[in-house]
Amino acid sequence: MLLGVLGSGSGSNLQAILDAIDAGTLDAKVVIVLSDHPDAYILERARLRGIPAHVIDCHGFRNKFPDEAQAAVASQLKGAGVELVCLAGFMRLVKAPLLHAFPNRILNIHPSLLPAFPGIAAWKQALEAGATETGCTVHQVDAGMDTGPVVMQEKLAILPDDTAESLHARIQEIEHRLYPAAIAKIATAN
């Protein structure tokens, strides 16, 4: 399965996907990586592996993902032959036309047990709410914020001495296992 990855940060989930491919546990190939931040390390991770990596032009918007930008991204992904789009720490809401270009073919990894704690910094939300457990969710992307159908989830107990940083680090360990497994599940179903 040919994958396109969109990210805004360091790309640790991209690395987990690449590691799973290298280990033979994920029968896929990352064919393009796109980021809305020109200095995001995810672009460097891709380039180090010889994967085409490009910056998304969001027309100066800090958080918005304009329709023109989404149309350009859809065109780049289609041009690369992408079959499944993986959001890996991509911090903009995906809407049409990207959703229409890849119906039910866009995945996201979120650091909570959705529907609990959608949005930004879910691990902090969980701590502030006094939750006793959290985890992470791989879900299909729809037009809402972290509202699409769940593909896989894994729970994690919140420890009494957890800080936002320690909890986030423990969730990321699960993400790095769960995301490649969810992609593999979808790849084998097709």
N, C-alpha and C. Protein backbone atom coordinates (compact mmCIF):
# COMPACT_ATOMS: atom_id res chain seq x y z
N MET A 1 0.85 -1.18 0.00
CA MET A 1 0.00 0.00 0.00
C MET A 1 0.89 1.24 0.00
N LEU A 2 0.58 2.18 -0.87
CA LEU A 2 1.37 3.41 -0.99
C LEU A 2 0.81 4.47 -0.06
N LEU A 3 1.67 5.00 0.80
CA LEU A 3 1.27 5.94 1.84
C LEU A 3 1.78 7.34 1.57
N GLY A 4 0.94 8.31 1.88
CA GLY A 4 1.34 9.71 1.94
C GLY A 4 1.20 10.15 3.38
N VAL A 5 2.21 10.83 3.92
CA VAL A 5 2.20 11.22 5.32
C VAL A 5 2.22 12.74 5.42
N LEU A 6 1.30 13.29 6.23
CA LEU A 6 1.25 14.72 6.51
C LEU A 6 1.58 14.92 7.98
N GLY A 7 2.51 15.84 8.27
CA GLY A 7 2.89 16.10 9.65
C GLY A 7 3.29 17.54 9.85
N SER A 8 3.28 17.97 11.10
CA SER A 8 3.64 19.34 11.44
C SER A 8 4.86 19.42 12.34
N GLY A 9 5.36 18.29 12.82
CA GLY A 9 6.42 18.33 13.83
C GLY A 9 7.61 17.45 13.53
N SER A 10 8.03 16.71 14.54
CA SER A 10 9.29 15.96 14.45
C SER A 10 9.19 14.70 13.60
N GLY A 11 8.00 14.17 13.46
CA GLY A 11 7.83 12.99 12.61
C GLY A 11 8.15 11.67 13.30
N SER A 12 7.97 11.59 14.61
CA SER A 12 8.26 10.33 15.29
C SER A 12 7.31 9.22 14.83
N ASN A 13 6.07 9.56 14.50
CA ASN A 13 5.16 8.53 13.99
C ASN A 13 5.52 8.12 12.56
N LEU A 14 6.03 9.05 11.75
CA LEU A 14 6.57 8.67 10.45
C LEU A 14 7.70 7.68 10.64
N GLN A 15 8.58 7.95 11.59
CA GLN A 15 9.70 7.05 11.84
C GLN A 15 9.21 5.68 12.26
N ALA A 16 8.18 5.64 13.09
CA ALA A 16 7.61 4.35 13.52
C ALA A 16 7.05 3.58 12.32
N ILE A 17 6.41 4.28 11.41
CA ILE A 17 5.88 3.64 10.19
C ILE A 17 7.03 3.09 9.36
N LEU A 18 8.06 3.89 9.16
CA LEU A 18 9.23 3.45 8.38
C LEU A 18 9.92 2.26 9.05
N ASP A 19 10.01 2.29 10.37
CA ASP A 19 10.63 1.18 11.10
C ASP A 19 9.83 -0.11 10.94
N ALA A 20 8.49 0.02 10.95
CA ALA A 20 7.63 -1.16 10.77
C ALA A 20 7.78 -1.71 9.35
N ILE A 21 7.91 -0.84 8.37
CA ILE A 21 8.13 -1.28 6.99
C ILE A 21 9.46 -2.01 6.90
N ASP A 22 10.50 -1.42 7.50
CA ASP A 22 11.84 -2.04 7.49
C ASP A 22 11.83 -3.40 8.18
N ALA A 23 11.04 -3.52 9.25
CA ALA A 23 10.99 -4.77 10.02
C ALA A 23 10.12 -5.84 9.33
N GLY A 24 9.40 -5.44 8.29
CA GLY A 24 8.55 -6.39 7.58
C GLY A 24 7.20 -6.62 8.22
N THR A 25 6.83 -5.79 9.20
CA THR A 25 5.52 -5.95 9.85
C THR A 25 4.45 -5.09 9.20
N LEU A 26 4.86 -4.24 8.26
CA LEU A 26 3.93 -3.39 7.53
C LEU A 26 4.30 -3.44 6.06
N ASP A 27 3.39 -4.00 5.25
CA ASP A 27 3.62 -4.11 3.81
C ASP A 27 3.12 -2.83 3.15
N ALA A 28 3.97 -1.81 3.15
CA ALA A 28 3.59 -0.51 2.62
C ALA A 28 4.85 0.24 2.21
N LYS A 29 4.65 1.35 1.54
CA LYS A 29 5.76 2.21 1.15
C LYS A 29 5.31 3.66 1.28
N VAL A 30 6.12 4.46 1.96
CA VAL A 30 5.84 5.90 2.06
C VAL A 30 6.40 6.53 0.79
N VAL A 31 5.52 7.16 0.01
CA VAL A 31 5.94 7.71 -1.28
C VAL A 31 6.04 9.23 -1.29
N ILE A 32 5.47 9.89 -0.27
CA ILE A 32 5.56 11.34 -0.18
C ILE A 32 5.27 11.78 1.25
N VAL A 33 5.97 12.83 1.69
CA VAL A 33 5.75 13.42 3.01
C VAL A 33 5.54 14.92 2.80
N LEU A 34 4.49 15.46 3.42
CA LEU A 34 4.17 16.88 3.31
C LEU A 34 4.04 17.48 4.70
N SER A 35 4.51 18.72 4.86
CA SER A 35 4.38 19.41 6.14
C SER A 35 3.97 20.85 5.92
N ASP A 36 3.21 21.37 6.87
CA ASP A 36 2.80 22.77 6.82
C ASP A 36 3.83 23.68 7.49
N HIS A 37 4.92 23.11 7.98
CA HIS A 37 6.00 23.90 8.60
C HIS A 37 7.31 23.60 7.87
N PRO A 38 7.92 24.61 7.25
CA PRO A 38 9.13 24.37 6.46
C PRO A 38 10.30 23.83 7.28
N ASP A 39 10.32 24.11 8.58
CA ASP A 39 11.43 23.65 9.42
C ASP A 39 11.09 22.41 10.24
N ALA A 40 9.97 21.76 9.95
CA ALA A 40 9.56 20.55 10.69
C ALA A 40 10.54 19.42 10.40
N TYR A 41 10.97 18.73 11.42
CA TYR A 41 11.95 17.65 11.27
C TYR A 41 11.39 16.47 10.47
N ILE A 42 10.07 16.35 10.38
CA ILE A 42 9.48 15.26 9.59
C ILE A 42 9.99 15.33 8.15
N LEU A 43 10.20 16.54 7.62
CA LEU A 43 10.70 16.69 6.25
C LEU A 43 12.12 16.15 6.13
N GLU A 44 12.94 16.42 7.14
CA GLU A 44 14.32 15.91 7.14
C GLU A 44 14.34 14.39 7.26
N ARG A 45 13.49 13.85 8.12
CA ARG A 45 13.41 12.38 8.24
C ARG A 45 13.12 11.75 6.87
N ALA A 46 12.17 12.35 6.14
CA ALA A 46 11.81 11.83 4.82
C ALA A 46 12.99 11.95 3.86
N ARG A 47 13.61 13.11 3.84
CA ARG A 47 14.73 13.32 2.90
C ARG A 47 15.89 12.37 3.18
N LEU A 48 16.13 12.09 4.45
CA LEU A 48 17.21 11.15 4.81
C LEU A 48 16.95 9.75 4.27
N ARG A 49 15.67 9.44 4.03
CA ARG A 49 15.29 8.13 3.49
C ARG A 49 15.04 8.18 1.98
N GLY A 50 15.29 9.33 1.37
CA GLY A 50 15.08 9.46 -0.07
C GLY A 50 13.62 9.57 -0.46
N ILE A 51 12.77 9.96 0.47
CA ILE A 51 11.34 10.11 0.20
C ILE A 51 11.07 11.57 -0.18
N PRO A 52 10.37 11.82 -1.28
CA PRO A 52 10.05 13.19 -1.64
C PRO A 52 9.32 13.89 -0.48
N ALA A 53 9.81 15.09 -0.14
CA ALA A 53 9.26 15.83 1.00
C ALA A 53 9.04 17.28 0.57
N HIS A 54 7.84 17.78 0.82
CA HIS A 54 7.48 19.12 0.36
C HIS A 54 6.74 19.89 1.45
N VAL A 55 6.82 21.21 1.35
CA VAL A 55 6.12 22.10 2.26
C VAL A 55 4.77 22.47 1.66
N ILE A 56 3.74 22.43 2.50
CA ILE A 56 2.40 22.82 2.10
C ILE A 56 2.28 24.34 2.24
N ASP A 57 1.85 24.99 1.19
CA ASP A 57 1.63 26.43 1.22
C ASP A 57 0.22 26.70 1.74
N CYS A 58 0.14 27.15 2.98
CA CYS A 58 -1.16 27.45 3.58
C CYS A 58 -1.51 28.93 3.45
N HIS A 59 -0.90 29.60 2.51
CA HIS A 59 -1.23 30.99 2.16
C HIS A 59 -1.17 31.94 3.35
N GLY A 60 -0.17 31.72 4.22
CA GLY A 60 0.04 32.61 5.35
C GLY A 60 -0.82 32.37 6.57
N PHE A 61 -1.76 31.44 6.46
CA PHE A 61 -2.62 31.15 7.62
C PHE A 61 -1.85 30.32 8.64
N ARG A 62 -1.97 30.69 9.91
CA ARG A 62 -1.26 30.00 10.98
C ARG A 62 -1.89 28.65 11.32
N ASN A 63 -3.22 28.59 11.34
CA ASN A 63 -3.91 27.37 11.75
C ASN A 63 -4.89 26.83 10.70
N LYS A 64 -5.40 27.69 9.87
CA LYS A 64 -6.39 27.30 8.87
C LYS A 64 -5.72 26.51 7.74
N PHE A 65 -6.48 25.59 7.16
CA PHE A 65 -6.01 24.80 6.02
C PHE A 65 -6.92 25.16 4.84
N PRO A 66 -6.57 26.23 4.11
CA PRO A 66 -7.46 26.73 3.06
C PRO A 66 -7.76 25.69 1.99
N ASP A 67 -8.94 25.83 1.38
CA ASP A 67 -9.37 24.90 0.33
C ASP A 67 -8.35 24.79 -0.79
N GLU A 68 -7.74 25.93 -1.19
CA GLU A 68 -6.75 25.90 -2.27
C GLU A 68 -5.56 25.03 -1.88
N ALA A 69 -5.14 25.15 -0.63
CA ALA A 69 -4.01 24.35 -0.14
C ALA A 69 -4.39 22.87 -0.11
N GLN A 70 -5.61 22.57 0.33
CA GLN A 70 -6.05 21.18 0.38
C GLN A 70 -6.15 20.58 -1.02
N ALA A 71 -6.62 21.38 -1.98
CA ALA A 71 -6.70 20.90 -3.36
C ALA A 71 -5.30 20.61 -3.90
N ALA A 72 -4.34 21.48 -3.57
CA ALA A 72 -2.96 21.26 -4.02
C ALA A 72 -2.37 20.01 -3.38
N VAL A 73 -2.65 19.80 -2.10
CA VAL A 73 -2.17 18.60 -1.40
C VAL A 73 -2.79 17.35 -2.02
N ALA A 74 -4.09 17.39 -2.27
CA ALA A 74 -4.77 16.25 -2.88
C ALA A 74 -4.12 15.91 -4.23
N SER A 75 -3.81 16.94 -5.00
CA SER A 75 -3.18 16.74 -6.30
C SER A 75 -1.79 16.12 -6.15
N GLN A 76 -1.01 16.61 -5.19
CA GLN A 76 0.32 16.04 -4.96
C GLN A 76 0.23 14.58 -4.53
N LEU A 77 -0.69 14.28 -3.64
CA LEU A 77 -0.85 12.91 -3.15
C LEU A 77 -1.30 11.98 -4.28
N LYS A 78 -2.27 12.42 -5.06
CA LYS A 78 -2.75 11.62 -6.20
C LYS A 78 -1.61 11.41 -7.19
N GLY A 79 -0.84 12.46 -7.45
CA GLY A 79 0.27 12.38 -8.39
C GLY A 79 1.34 11.39 -7.96
N ALA A 80 1.47 11.21 -6.64
CA ALA A 80 2.45 10.26 -6.10
C ALA A 80 1.88 8.84 -6.03
N GLY A 81 0.59 8.66 -6.39
CA GLY A 81 -0.03 7.34 -6.36
C GLY A 81 -0.49 6.90 -4.98
N VAL A 82 -0.63 7.84 -4.05
CA VAL A 82 -1.00 7.52 -2.67
C VAL A 82 -2.35 6.80 -2.61
N GLU A 83 -2.39 5.72 -1.83
CA GLU A 83 -3.63 4.96 -1.61
C GLU A 83 -4.23 5.23 -0.23
N LEU A 84 -3.38 5.60 0.74
CA LEU A 84 -3.82 5.89 2.10
C LEU A 84 -3.03 7.07 2.63
N VAL A 85 -3.74 8.06 3.16
CA VAL A 85 -3.11 9.26 3.72
C VAL A 85 -3.04 9.08 5.23
N CYS A 86 -1.86 9.30 5.80
CA CYS A 86 -1.65 9.16 7.25
C CYS A 86 -1.27 10.50 7.83
N LEU A 87 -2.12 11.01 8.72
CA LEU A 87 -1.79 12.24 9.44
C LEU A 87 -0.96 11.84 10.65
N ALA A 88 0.21 12.44 10.75
CA ALA A 88 1.14 12.09 11.83
C ALA A 88 1.54 13.38 12.54
N GLY A 89 0.70 13.80 13.49
CA GLY A 89 0.97 15.06 14.17
C GLY A 89 0.70 16.24 13.26
N PHE A 90 -0.27 16.10 12.38
CA PHE A 90 -0.65 17.20 11.48
C PHE A 90 -1.70 18.03 12.20
N MET A 91 -1.41 19.32 12.39
CA MET A 91 -2.20 20.13 13.31
C MET A 91 -3.21 21.05 12.62
N ARG A 92 -3.70 20.64 11.47
CA ARG A 92 -4.74 21.42 10.79
C ARG A 92 -5.92 20.50 10.49
N LEU A 93 -7.12 21.07 10.52
CA LEU A 93 -8.33 20.30 10.23
C LEU A 93 -8.45 20.03 8.73
N VAL A 94 -8.61 18.78 8.39
CA VAL A 94 -8.79 18.37 7.01
C VAL A 94 -10.27 18.44 6.66
N LYS A 95 -10.55 19.07 5.55
CA LYS A 95 -11.93 19.19 5.06
C LYS A 95 -11.93 18.83 3.58
N ALA A 96 -13.07 19.09 2.90
CA ALA A 96 -13.10 18.95 1.44
C ALA A 96 -12.16 20.02 0.89
N PRO A 97 -11.46 19.82 -0.19
CA PRO A 97 -11.53 18.73 -1.15
C PRO A 97 -10.65 17.52 -0.81
N LEU A 98 -9.81 17.61 0.22
CA LEU A 98 -8.94 16.48 0.55
C LEU A 98 -9.76 15.26 0.97
N LEU A 99 -10.80 15.47 1.75
CA LEU A 99 -11.66 14.35 2.15
C LEU A 99 -12.34 13.71 0.94
N HIS A 100 -12.73 14.52 -0.02
CA HIS A 100 -13.40 13.99 -1.22
C HIS A 100 -12.42 13.24 -2.11
N ALA A 101 -11.16 13.68 -2.12
CA ALA A 101 -10.13 13.03 -2.95
C ALA A 101 -9.76 11.65 -2.39
N PHE A 102 -9.86 11.50 -1.06
CA PHE A 102 -9.50 10.24 -0.40
C PHE A 102 -10.60 9.82 0.58
N PRO A 103 -11.79 9.49 0.07
CA PRO A 103 -12.89 9.13 0.96
C PRO A 103 -12.57 7.87 1.78
N ASN A 104 -12.70 7.99 3.09
CA ASN A 104 -12.42 6.89 4.02
C ASN A 104 -10.99 6.36 3.86
N ARG A 105 -10.08 7.18 3.35
CA ARG A 105 -8.70 6.76 3.11
C ARG A 105 -7.72 7.71 3.78
N ILE A 106 -8.17 8.39 4.84
CA ILE A 106 -7.29 9.27 5.60
C ILE A 106 -7.36 8.82 7.06
N LEU A 107 -6.18 8.54 7.64
CA LEU A 107 -6.09 8.12 9.04
C LEU A 107 -5.41 9.20 9.87
N ASN A 108 -5.74 9.20 11.15
CA ASN A 108 -5.09 10.08 12.11
C ASN A 108 -4.80 9.29 13.37
N ILE A 109 -3.72 9.69 14.05
CA ILE A 109 -3.42 9.13 15.37
C ILE A 109 -3.64 10.25 16.37
N HIS A 110 -4.39 9.95 17.42
CA HIS A 110 -4.73 10.97 18.42
C HIS A 110 -4.38 10.46 19.82
N PRO A 111 -3.75 11.31 20.65
CA PRO A 111 -3.29 10.87 21.97
C PRO A 111 -4.34 10.89 23.08
N SER A 112 -5.47 10.22 22.82
CA SER A 112 -6.48 9.98 23.86
C SER A 112 -7.37 8.84 23.38
N LEU A 113 -8.23 8.41 24.27
CA LEU A 113 -9.23 7.40 23.91
C LEU A 113 -10.46 8.15 23.42
N LEU A 114 -10.47 8.45 22.14
CA LEU A 114 -11.61 9.19 21.59
C LEU A 114 -12.90 8.40 21.84
N PRO A 115 -14.01 9.06 22.10
CA PRO A 115 -14.26 10.47 21.91
C PRO A 115 -13.78 11.39 23.03
N ALA A 116 -13.14 10.86 24.06
CA ALA A 116 -12.65 11.71 25.14
C ALA A 116 -11.47 12.55 24.68
N PHE A 117 -11.46 13.79 25.07
CA PHE A 117 -10.34 14.71 24.90
C PHE A 117 -9.88 14.91 23.45
N PRO A 118 -10.80 15.32 22.57
CA PRO A 118 -10.38 15.66 21.21
C PRO A 118 -9.60 16.97 21.23
N GLY A 119 -8.92 17.26 20.13
CA GLY A 119 -8.23 18.54 20.00
C GLY A 119 -6.79 18.49 20.49
N ILE A 120 -6.28 19.67 20.78
CA ILE A 120 -4.85 19.85 21.08
C ILE A 120 -4.52 19.41 22.51
N ALA A 121 -3.31 18.86 22.67
CA ALA A 121 -2.74 18.49 23.99
C ALA A 121 -3.70 17.63 24.80
N ALA A 122 -4.16 16.56 24.22
CA ALA A 122 -5.14 15.67 24.87
C ALA A 122 -4.61 15.09 26.18
N TRP A 123 -3.30 14.84 26.27
CA TRP A 123 -2.72 14.30 27.51
C TRP A 123 -2.85 15.32 28.65
N LYS A 124 -2.71 16.60 28.34
CA LYS A 124 -2.90 17.64 29.36
C LYS A 124 -4.37 17.71 29.76
N GLN A 125 -5.26 17.60 28.77
CA GLN A 125 -6.69 17.61 29.06
C GLN A 125 -7.05 16.47 30.02
N ALA A 126 -6.47 15.29 29.77
CA ALA A 126 -6.76 14.13 30.61
C ALA A 126 -6.30 14.36 32.05
N LEU A 127 -5.09 14.90 32.19
CA LEU A 127 -4.58 15.19 33.54
C LEU A 127 -5.43 16.23 34.24
N GLU A 128 -5.76 17.30 33.54
CA GLU A 128 -6.56 18.37 34.14
C GLU A 128 -7.96 17.89 34.53
N ALA A 129 -8.49 16.91 33.82
CA ALA A 129 -9.82 16.37 34.12
C ALA A 129 -9.79 15.34 35.25
N GLY A 130 -8.59 14.96 35.69
CA GLY A 130 -8.47 13.96 36.74
C GLY A 130 -8.78 12.55 36.26
N ALA A 131 -8.62 12.30 34.98
CA ALA A 131 -8.88 10.97 34.42
C ALA A 131 -7.90 9.95 35.00
N THR A 132 -8.34 8.71 35.11
CA THR A 132 -7.47 7.65 35.63
C THR A 132 -6.84 6.83 34.51
N GLU A 133 -7.37 7.00 33.30
CA GLU A 133 -6.77 6.32 32.15
C GLU A 133 -6.93 7.19 30.91
N THR A 134 -6.06 6.93 29.98
CA THR A 134 -6.11 7.57 28.68
C THR A 134 -5.57 6.56 27.68
N GLY A 135 -4.92 7.00 26.64
CA GLY A 135 -4.37 6.09 25.66
C GLY A 135 -4.22 6.79 24.34
N CYS A 136 -4.40 6.04 23.26
CA CYS A 136 -4.38 6.67 21.95
C CYS A 136 -5.33 5.94 21.02
N THR A 137 -5.71 6.65 19.97
CA THR A 137 -6.70 6.19 19.01
C THR A 137 -6.21 6.42 17.60
N VAL A 138 -6.35 5.42 16.76
CA VAL A 138 -6.19 5.61 15.32
C VAL A 138 -7.62 5.64 14.77
N HIS A 139 -7.93 6.69 14.01
CA HIS A 139 -9.29 6.81 13.49
C HIS A 139 -9.27 7.33 12.06
N GLN A 140 -10.36 7.03 11.35
CA GLN A 140 -10.55 7.61 10.03
C GLN A 140 -10.89 9.08 10.21
N VAL A 141 -10.41 9.89 9.29
CA VAL A 141 -10.66 11.32 9.37
C VAL A 141 -11.96 11.64 8.65
N ASP A 142 -12.78 12.44 9.32
CA ASP A 142 -13.97 13.00 8.70
C ASP A 142 -13.90 14.52 8.86
N ALA A 143 -14.97 15.23 8.60
CA ALA A 143 -14.95 16.69 8.61
C ALA A 143 -14.90 17.29 10.02
N GLY A 144 -15.08 16.48 11.06
CA GLY A 144 -15.04 16.99 12.42
C GLY A 144 -13.64 16.94 13.02
N MET A 145 -13.51 17.44 14.23
CA MET A 145 -12.23 17.38 14.93
C MET A 145 -12.16 16.10 15.75
N ASP A 146 -11.38 15.14 15.25
CA ASP A 146 -11.17 13.87 15.94
C ASP A 146 -12.48 13.12 16.17
N THR A 147 -13.35 13.12 15.16
CA THR A 147 -14.67 12.50 15.30
C THR A 147 -14.89 11.28 14.42
N GLY A 148 -13.95 10.94 13.54
CA GLY A 148 -14.15 9.84 12.61
C GLY A 148 -14.17 8.48 13.27
N PRO A 149 -14.62 7.46 12.53
CA PRO A 149 -14.71 6.10 13.06
C PRO A 149 -13.37 5.58 13.58
N VAL A 150 -13.41 4.92 14.73
CA VAL A 150 -12.21 4.37 15.36
C VAL A 150 -11.77 3.12 14.62
N VAL A 151 -10.47 3.03 14.33
CA VAL A 151 -9.88 1.85 13.72
C VAL A 151 -9.26 0.97 14.81
N MET A 152 -8.48 1.58 15.70
CA MET A 152 -7.86 0.85 16.82
C MET A 152 -7.64 1.83 17.98
N GLN A 153 -7.68 1.28 19.19
CA GLN A 153 -7.38 2.05 20.40
C GLN A 153 -6.56 1.19 21.35
N GLU A 154 -5.78 1.87 22.19
CA GLU A 154 -5.09 1.17 23.27
C GLU A 154 -5.11 2.05 24.51
N LYS A 155 -5.46 1.42 25.65
CA LYS A 155 -5.57 2.14 26.92
C LYS A 155 -4.24 2.22 27.64
N LEU A 156 -4.15 3.24 28.49
CA LEU A 156 -2.96 3.45 29.33
C LEU A 156 -3.42 4.05 30.65
N ALA A 157 -2.99 3.46 31.75
CA ALA A 157 -3.33 4.00 33.06
C ALA A 157 -2.53 5.28 33.31
N ILE A 158 -3.19 6.26 33.89
CA ILE A 158 -2.50 7.48 34.29
C ILE A 158 -1.97 7.25 35.70
N LEU A 159 -0.68 7.41 35.85
CA LEU A 159 -0.03 7.17 37.14
C LEU A 159 -0.16 8.39 38.04
N PRO A 160 -0.18 8.17 39.38
CA PRO A 160 -0.34 9.31 40.30
C PRO A 160 0.75 10.37 40.14
N ASP A 161 1.95 9.96 39.74
CA ASP A 161 3.04 10.93 39.61
C ASP A 161 3.27 11.40 38.17
N ASP A 162 2.35 11.08 37.28
CA ASP A 162 2.49 11.51 35.89
C ASP A 162 2.46 13.03 35.78
N THR A 163 3.35 13.55 34.97
CA THR A 163 3.31 14.94 34.55
C THR A 163 2.82 14.95 33.10
N ALA A 164 2.56 16.12 32.59
CA ALA A 164 2.15 16.21 31.18
C ALA A 164 3.22 15.59 30.29
N GLU A 165 4.48 15.85 30.61
CA GLU A 165 5.58 15.35 29.79
C GLU A 165 5.71 13.83 29.88
N SER A 166 5.64 13.29 31.09
CA SER A 166 5.81 11.83 31.24
C SER A 166 4.64 11.09 30.61
N LEU A 167 3.44 11.61 30.78
CA LEU A 167 2.26 10.97 30.20
C LEU A 167 2.33 11.01 28.67
N HIS A 168 2.71 12.15 28.13
CA HIS A 168 2.81 12.27 26.68
C HIS A 168 3.85 11.29 26.13
N ALA A 169 4.98 11.16 26.81
CA ALA A 169 6.03 10.23 26.36
C ALA A 169 5.52 8.79 26.38
N ARG A 170 4.75 8.42 27.41
CA ARG A 170 4.23 7.05 27.48
C ARG A 170 3.17 6.80 26.42
N ILE A 171 2.36 7.83 26.12
CA ILE A 171 1.36 7.69 25.05
C ILE A 171 2.07 7.53 23.71
N GLN A 172 3.14 8.28 23.49
CA GLN A 172 3.85 8.19 22.22
C GLN A 172 4.44 6.79 22.00
N GLU A 173 4.87 6.14 23.06
CA GLU A 173 5.36 4.76 22.93
C GLU A 173 4.27 3.86 22.36
N ILE A 174 3.04 4.04 22.83
CA ILE A 174 1.91 3.25 22.31
C ILE A 174 1.61 3.65 20.87
N GLU A 175 1.61 4.96 20.60
CA GLU A 175 1.34 5.44 19.24
C GLU A 175 2.27 4.77 18.23
N HIS A 176 3.54 4.67 18.59
CA HIS A 176 4.55 4.15 17.66
C HIS A 176 4.34 2.67 17.35
N ARG A 177 3.62 1.96 18.20
CA ARG A 177 3.22 0.56 17.94
C ARG A 177 1.88 0.49 17.23
N LEU A 178 0.94 1.30 17.72
CA LEU A 178 -0.45 1.20 17.28
C LEU A 178 -0.66 1.71 15.85
N TYR A 179 -0.01 2.81 15.48
CA TYR A 179 -0.25 3.38 14.16
C TYR A 179 0.17 2.42 13.05
N PRO A 180 1.39 1.87 13.08
CA PRO A 180 1.74 0.90 12.04
C PRO A 180 0.82 -0.32 12.03
N ALA A 181 0.37 -0.76 13.20
CA ALA A 181 -0.53 -1.91 13.28
C ALA A 181 -1.88 -1.60 12.63
N ALA A 182 -2.38 -0.39 12.85
CA ALA A 182 -3.66 0.01 12.26
C ALA A 182 -3.53 0.13 10.73
N ILE A 183 -2.40 0.67 10.27
CA ILE A 183 -2.18 0.79 8.82
C ILE A 183 -2.10 -0.62 8.21
N ALA A 184 -1.41 -1.52 8.89
CA ALA A 184 -1.30 -2.90 8.41
C ALA A 184 -2.68 -3.55 8.35
N LYS A 185 -3.51 -3.30 9.35
CA LYS A 185 -4.87 -3.85 9.37
C LYS A 185 -5.66 -3.39 8.14
N ILE A 186 -5.54 -2.12 7.81
CA ILE A 186 -6.25 -1.58 6.65
C ILE A 186 -5.64 -2.13 5.36
N ALA A 187 -4.32 -2.23 5.31
CA ALA A 187 -3.64 -2.72 4.09
C ALA A 187 -4.04 -4.17 3.80
N THR A 188 -4.15 -4.99 4.84
CA THR A 188 -4.49 -6.41 4.61
C THR A 188 -5.97 -6.59 4.30
N ALA A 189 -6.81 -5.62 4.69
CA ALA A 189 -8.24 -5.70 4.41
C ALA A 189 -8.56 -5.30 2.97
N ASN A 190 -7.58 -4.74 2.29
CA ASN A 190 -7.82 -4.27 0.92
C ASN A 190 -7.13 -5.14 -0.12
